[in-house]
Amino acid sequence: MSGLPASAPAPRAVRSSLDWCAYYEANAAAAEIPWECSAHLTAAERRAVAASIQEFQLGESSEGRHLHAAARAYAASSGDGAYVRAIEAIIREEQRHARDLGRFLAAEGIPLRKRSWPDAVFRSLRRGAGLETTVGVLLTAELIAQVYYAALRDATRSPVLRALCERILRDEAEHVRFQAERLALLRAGRARVAVRLAQAAQRGLLAGAALVVWWGHRSVLAGGGLSFGRYWGQCWERFAAAATMMTPMPPSGSAPAPAPAAGAPLRPVSNAADGSAASARAPAVAGEWHLTDIDARG
């Protein structure tokens, strides 16, 4: 980035909670899913994917009570009231995924599941936890979901299921960014070793969860063209990309940012959690923060 010392990392633009609220509102528009299509799963496809979709549908159907409670506590301490609205929006998206998958299962004559032990374990990990732990657990599930839904899309020729998977994959990509950016904000200002320990714990959780998903859903993953090695590698590729987003940038004092160009206009930039404007040089992307400019604000 022009003007920065060669050793300084380029600042990453981070969406504010208000920006995420606006994104989720725009993304709520109905997707073009060909529900009228009469093509059904073949008998072989049904055997391969039915039980797996049932379990993922159950996982998508969470009411998010513990996440909502953690977000409210965080908003009360940070003053970022818009974050609660953003969390409510992401919960609604996950519930839409559950409704759509449930509609697909109903059209195929496949009943919904009421419980499963992996879902119970993930819910127990979030129960009573603080925001950072809760977000870390959800991020792990979303990273593996990206690999899973891509395989599920390729495991059948159902136009409805393939379109559903495409929509879910688009949503999950933004969910990963949303959660990873929040972890970076929550961890900003901590000692580097503390951040590394937190990410090491996430790696351990991802490894365990990835093994559980492979064991329980290998018929779908294999049907989508993934061997265990390819599946394992893709999970870690997803984690590596997210790790970049969830790693706090160094505080601005350790790598001075360049001064604004002479004569650069000042204009209000809405970066505050409540949407209030502050007179500042406009960031590279309007309405976004730079992680070099923040310490521990949410």
Protein backbone atom coordinates (compact mmCIF):
# COMPACT_ATOMS: atom_id res chain seq x y z
CA MET A 1 0.00 0.00 0.00
CA SER A 2 1.56 3.28 -1.06
CA GLY A 3 3.22 5.28 1.73
CA LEU A 4 3.49 2.42 4.23
CA PRO A 5 6.90 1.06 5.25
CA ALA A 6 7.75 -2.16 3.44
CA SER A 7 7.57 -4.16 6.67
CA ALA A 8 4.14 -2.89 7.69
CA PRO A 9 1.12 -5.03 6.78
CA ALA A 10 -1.52 -3.34 4.70
CA PRO A 11 -4.62 -2.44 6.75
CA ARG A 12 -7.65 -4.64 6.27
CA ALA A 13 -11.02 -3.00 5.81
CA VAL A 14 -13.53 -4.32 8.34
CA ARG A 15 -17.25 -3.81 8.07
CA SER A 16 -18.92 -2.10 11.00
CA SER A 17 -21.98 -3.66 12.63
CA LEU A 18 -24.18 -1.15 10.82
CA ASP A 19 -22.65 -2.20 7.51
CA TRP A 20 -23.40 -5.84 8.32
CA CYS A 21 -26.99 -4.95 9.15
CA ALA A 22 -27.34 -3.31 5.75
CA TYR A 23 -25.75 -6.31 4.03
CA TYR A 24 -28.06 -8.82 5.69
CA GLU A 25 -31.11 -6.71 4.89
CA ALA A 26 -30.13 -6.66 1.21
CA ASN A 27 -29.31 -10.38 1.24
CA ALA A 28 -32.73 -11.30 2.60
CA ALA A 29 -34.24 -11.19 -0.90
CA ALA A 30 -35.58 -14.56 -1.98
CA ALA A 31 -33.18 -16.67 -4.00
CA GLU A 32 -34.19 -18.17 -7.33
CA ILE A 33 -34.69 -21.77 -6.25
CA PRO A 34 -36.52 -23.91 -8.87
CA TRP A 35 -39.05 -25.32 -6.40
CA GLU A 36 -41.41 -26.15 -9.25
CA CYS A 37 -38.92 -28.63 -10.71
CA SER A 38 -40.35 -32.15 -10.70
CA ALA A 39 -36.98 -33.95 -10.77
CA HIS A 40 -36.32 -35.97 -7.63
CA LEU A 41 -33.33 -37.69 -6.13
CA THR A 42 -32.52 -41.06 -7.60
CA ALA A 43 -32.63 -44.04 -5.25
CA ALA A 44 -28.83 -44.08 -5.07
CA GLU A 45 -28.63 -40.35 -4.40
CA ARG A 46 -31.26 -40.64 -1.70
CA ARG A 47 -29.30 -43.36 0.08
CA ALA A 48 -26.15 -41.25 -0.10
CA VAL A 49 -27.48 -37.88 1.07
CA ALA A 50 -30.80 -38.20 2.93
CA ALA A 51 -29.53 -38.83 6.47
CA SER A 52 -26.73 -36.30 6.02
CA ILE A 53 -29.06 -33.50 4.92
CA GLN A 54 -31.35 -34.31 7.85
CA GLU A 55 -28.50 -33.69 10.28
CA PHE A 56 -27.29 -30.49 8.66
CA GLN A 57 -30.86 -29.20 8.50
CA LEU A 58 -31.13 -29.75 12.23
CA GLY A 59 -27.88 -27.90 12.82
CA GLU A 60 -29.10 -24.90 10.80
CA SER A 61 -32.33 -24.66 12.80
CA SER A 62 -30.90 -23.29 16.06
CA GLU A 63 -32.81 -20.42 17.65
CA GLY A 64 -29.51 -18.84 18.66
CA ARG A 65 -30.56 -17.99 22.23
CA HIS A 66 -27.07 -18.31 23.71
CA LEU A 67 -25.47 -16.38 20.85
CA HIS A 68 -28.09 -13.64 21.24
CA ALA A 69 -27.46 -13.42 24.99
CA ALA A 70 -23.69 -13.18 24.46
CA ALA A 71 -24.19 -10.48 21.81
CA ARG A 72 -26.41 -8.45 24.14
CA ALA A 73 -23.80 -8.61 26.91
CA TYR A 74 -21.09 -7.54 24.48
CA ALA A 75 -23.20 -4.68 23.13
CA ALA A 76 -23.90 -3.44 26.65
CA SER A 77 -20.18 -3.32 27.46
CA SER A 78 -18.95 -1.98 24.12
CA GLY A 79 -21.78 0.35 23.14
CA ASP A 80 -22.13 -1.44 19.79
CA GLY A 81 -25.90 -1.86 19.81
CA ALA A 82 -25.98 -2.54 16.07
CA TYR A 83 -24.07 -5.77 16.65
CA VAL A 84 -27.13 -7.32 18.28
CA ARG A 85 -29.18 -6.51 15.18
CA ALA A 86 -26.47 -8.03 12.97
CA ILE A 87 -26.50 -11.21 15.08
CA GLU A 88 -30.28 -11.40 14.83
CA ALA A 89 -29.94 -11.10 11.06
CA ILE A 90 -27.38 -13.91 10.77
CA ILE A 91 -29.58 -16.14 12.93
CA ARG A 92 -32.48 -15.46 10.56
CA GLU A 93 -30.28 -16.46 7.61
CA GLU A 94 -29.33 -19.74 9.26
CA GLN A 95 -32.98 -20.41 10.01
CA ARG A 96 -33.82 -19.71 6.36
CA HIS A 97 -31.28 -22.35 5.40
CA ALA A 98 -33.06 -24.76 7.76
CA ARG A 99 -36.49 -23.93 6.30
CA ASP A 100 -35.27 -24.36 2.73
CA LEU A 101 -33.54 -27.65 3.47
CA GLY A 102 -36.64 -28.77 5.35
CA ARG A 103 -38.81 -27.89 2.35
CA PHE A 104 -36.51 -29.92 0.12
CA LEU A 105 -36.65 -32.91 2.46
CA ALA A 106 -40.44 -32.69 2.63
CA ALA A 107 -40.67 -32.64 -1.17
CA GLU A 108 -38.55 -35.78 -1.23
CA GLY A 109 -40.67 -37.47 1.43
CA ILE A 110 -37.82 -37.48 3.95
CA PRO A 111 -38.74 -36.66 7.56
CA LEU A 112 -36.88 -34.13 9.68
CA ARG A 113 -34.61 -35.18 12.53
CA LYS A 114 -35.31 -33.97 16.04
CA ARG A 115 -31.90 -34.61 17.57
CA SER A 116 -28.37 -35.83 16.86
CA TRP A 117 -25.34 -36.15 19.10
CA PRO A 118 -23.01 -33.90 17.02
CA ASP A 119 -25.60 -31.12 17.10
CA ALA A 120 -26.02 -31.59 20.86
CA VAL A 121 -22.24 -31.34 21.35
CA PHE A 122 -21.95 -28.13 19.34
CA ARG A 123 -24.84 -26.59 21.24
CA SER A 124 -23.30 -27.57 24.58
CA LEU A 125 -19.99 -25.92 23.61
CA ARG A 126 -21.83 -22.63 23.11
CA ARG A 127 -24.07 -22.87 26.16
CA GLY A 128 -23.01 -20.40 28.85
CA ALA A 129 -19.89 -19.37 26.91
CA GLY A 130 -18.83 -15.80 26.26
CA LEU A 131 -19.02 -14.16 22.88
CA GLU A 132 -15.50 -15.06 21.77
CA THR A 133 -15.92 -18.76 22.45
CA THR A 134 -19.38 -18.82 20.92
CA VAL A 135 -18.22 -17.08 17.76
CA GLY A 136 -15.21 -19.38 17.52
CA VAL A 137 -17.40 -22.47 17.68
CA LEU A 138 -19.80 -21.08 15.08
CA LEU A 139 -16.92 -20.12 12.80
CA THR A 140 -15.61 -23.68 12.96
CA ALA A 141 -19.00 -25.04 11.90
CA GLU A 142 -19.24 -22.53 9.05
CA LEU A 143 -15.78 -23.35 7.70
CA ILE A 144 -16.61 -27.05 7.52
CA ALA A 145 -20.06 -26.23 6.11
CA GLN A 146 -18.38 -24.51 3.15
CA VAL A 147 -16.61 -27.74 2.25
CA TYR A 148 -19.69 -29.87 2.95
CA TYR A 149 -22.21 -27.88 0.90
CA ALA A 150 -19.88 -27.72 -2.09
CA ALA A 151 -19.65 -31.53 -1.96
CA LEU A 152 -23.41 -31.91 -1.46
CA ARG A 153 -24.03 -29.70 -4.50
CA ASP A 154 -21.89 -32.01 -6.62
CA ALA A 155 -23.18 -35.26 -5.11
CA THR A 156 -26.58 -35.18 -6.87
CA ARG A 157 -28.14 -33.87 -10.07
CA SER A 158 -31.16 -32.36 -8.28
CA PRO A 159 -31.65 -28.80 -9.63
CA VAL A 160 -33.36 -27.76 -6.39
CA LEU A 161 -30.66 -29.10 -4.10
CA ARG A 162 -27.86 -27.71 -6.25
CA ALA A 163 -29.45 -24.24 -6.24
CA LEU A 164 -29.96 -24.43 -2.47
CA CYS A 165 -26.33 -25.34 -1.94
CA GLU A 166 -25.17 -22.46 -4.12
CA ARG A 167 -27.24 -20.00 -2.08
CA ILE A 168 -26.04 -21.41 1.22
CA LEU A 169 -22.41 -21.29 0.06
CA ARG A 170 -22.77 -17.60 -0.84
CA ASP A 171 -24.26 -16.89 2.57
CA GLU A 172 -21.67 -18.93 4.46
CA ALA A 173 -18.78 -17.06 2.82
CA GLU A 174 -20.08 -13.83 4.34
CA HIS A 175 -20.85 -15.53 7.66
CA VAL A 176 -17.21 -16.58 7.87
CA ARG A 177 -16.06 -13.02 7.23
CA PHE A 178 -18.54 -11.64 9.77
CA GLN A 179 -17.43 -14.01 12.52
CA ALA A 180 -13.70 -13.82 11.75
CA GLU A 181 -13.70 -10.02 11.73
CA ARG A 182 -15.44 -9.97 15.09
CA LEU A 183 -12.82 -12.28 16.56
CA ALA A 184 -10.12 -9.89 15.32
CA LEU A 185 -11.89 -7.00 17.05
CA LEU A 186 -12.37 -8.97 20.26
CA ARG A 187 -8.68 -9.95 20.33
CA ALA A 188 -7.25 -6.57 19.34
CA GLY A 189 -4.72 -5.26 21.85
CA ARG A 190 -3.85 -8.68 23.28
CA ALA A 191 -0.35 -10.07 23.49
CA ARG A 192 0.65 -12.00 20.41
CA VAL A 193 1.06 -15.22 22.40
CA ALA A 194 -2.50 -14.95 23.67
CA VAL A 195 -3.82 -14.60 20.12
CA ARG A 196 -1.75 -17.60 19.01
CA LEU A 197 -3.08 -19.71 21.88
CA ALA A 198 -6.66 -18.78 20.98
CA GLN A 199 -6.08 -19.78 17.37
CA ALA A 200 -4.39 -23.01 18.46
CA ALA A 201 -7.53 -23.90 20.41
CA GLN A 202 -9.58 -23.20 17.28
CA ARG A 203 -7.32 -25.47 15.25
CA GLY A 204 -7.91 -28.25 17.73
CA LEU A 205 -11.66 -27.74 17.54
CA LEU A 206 -11.58 -27.70 13.75
CA ALA A 207 -9.56 -30.91 13.61
CA GLY A 208 -11.98 -32.73 15.90
CA ALA A 209 -15.08 -31.38 14.18
CA ALA A 210 -13.71 -32.17 10.71
CA LEU A 211 -13.08 -35.78 11.71
CA VAL A 212 -16.62 -36.11 13.11
CA VAL A 213 -18.14 -34.66 9.93
CA TRP A 214 -16.08 -36.96 7.72
CA TRP A 215 -17.14 -40.01 9.69
CA GLY A 216 -20.82 -39.10 9.68
CA HIS A 217 -21.10 -37.62 6.19
CA ARG A 218 -18.47 -39.39 4.12
CA SER A 219 -21.07 -40.70 1.67
CA VAL A 220 -21.93 -37.12 0.68
CA LEU A 221 -18.32 -35.95 0.69
CA ALA A 222 -17.18 -38.91 -1.40
CA GLY A 223 -20.18 -38.45 -3.70
CA GLY A 224 -19.03 -34.88 -4.22
CA GLY A 225 -15.61 -36.10 -5.32
CA LEU A 226 -13.67 -35.70 -2.08
CA SER A 227 -11.30 -38.29 -0.71
CA PHE A 228 -10.44 -37.89 2.95
CA GLY A 229 -7.17 -36.20 1.99
CA ARG A 230 -8.87 -33.66 -0.25
CA TYR A 231 -11.58 -32.99 2.31
CA TRP A 232 -9.02 -32.54 5.09
CA GLY A 233 -6.93 -30.22 2.96
CA GLN A 234 -9.91 -28.08 1.98
CA CYS A 235 -10.94 -27.68 5.63
CA TRP A 236 -7.50 -26.34 6.49
CA GLU A 237 -7.40 -24.11 3.44
CA ARG A 238 -10.64 -22.53 4.64
CA PHE A 239 -9.20 -22.13 8.12
CA ALA A 240 -6.04 -20.47 6.80
CA ALA A 241 -8.08 -17.90 4.90
CA ALA A 242 -10.21 -17.19 7.97
CA ALA A 243 -7.14 -17.00 10.22
CA THR A 244 -5.91 -14.04 8.20
CA MET A 245 -9.19 -12.22 8.85
CA MET A 246 -9.37 -13.13 12.55
CA THR A 247 -5.80 -12.07 13.37
CA PRO A 248 -5.63 -8.54 14.82
CA MET A 249 -3.36 -6.14 13.01
CA PRO A 250 -0.58 -4.47 15.04
CA PRO A 251 -1.63 -1.23 16.79
CA SER A 252 -1.07 1.86 14.70
CA GLY A 253 1.73 3.02 17.02
CA SER A 254 3.98 0.17 15.90
CA ALA A 255 3.74 1.04 12.23
CA PRO A 256 2.77 4.67 11.61
CA ALA A 257 0.24 5.17 8.87
CA PRO A 258 0.98 7.75 6.20
CA ALA A 259 -0.40 11.23 6.59
CA PRO A 260 -3.36 12.09 4.35
CA ALA A 261 -2.42 13.71 1.08
CA ALA A 262 -2.22 17.47 1.20
CA GLY A 263 -5.58 18.99 0.51
CA ALA A 264 -7.46 15.71 0.89
CA PRO A 265 -11.05 16.59 1.80
CA LEU A 266 -12.52 15.77 5.17
CA ARG A 267 -15.93 14.15 5.07
CA PRO A 268 -18.14 12.46 7.66
CA VAL A 269 -17.48 8.76 7.96
CA SER A 270 -20.02 6.61 9.81
CA ASN A 271 -17.79 4.26 11.80
CA ALA A 272 -19.38 4.56 15.23
CA ALA A 273 -21.58 1.73 16.42
CA ASP A 274 -24.57 4.07 16.68
CA GLY A 275 -24.04 5.46 13.18
CA SER A 276 -22.90 8.90 14.37
CA ALA A 277 -20.57 10.67 11.97
CA ALA A 278 -17.07 11.81 12.81
CA SER A 279 -14.98 14.16 10.71
CA ALA A 280 -12.12 12.05 9.34
CA ARG A 281 -10.28 11.18 6.18
CA ALA A 282 -12.46 8.80 4.25
CA PRO A 283 -11.27 5.19 4.50
CA ALA A 284 -10.42 3.12 1.46
CA VAL A 285 -13.92 1.67 1.58
CA ALA A 286 -16.65 3.97 2.82
CA GLY A 287 -18.31 2.87 6.04
CA GLU A 288 -15.56 0.41 6.95
CA TRP A 289 -12.88 0.34 9.63
CA HIS A 290 -9.22 -0.44 9.24
CA LEU A 291 -7.77 -2.84 11.77
CA THR A 292 -4.65 -0.67 11.98
CA ASP A 293 -6.84 2.16 13.29
CA ILE A 294 -8.56 0.36 16.15
CA ASP A 295 -7.52 -1.23 19.37
CA ALA A 296 -10.28 -3.04 21.22
CA ARG A 297 -13.43 -1.26 20.17
CA GLY A 298 -16.24 -3.44 18.85
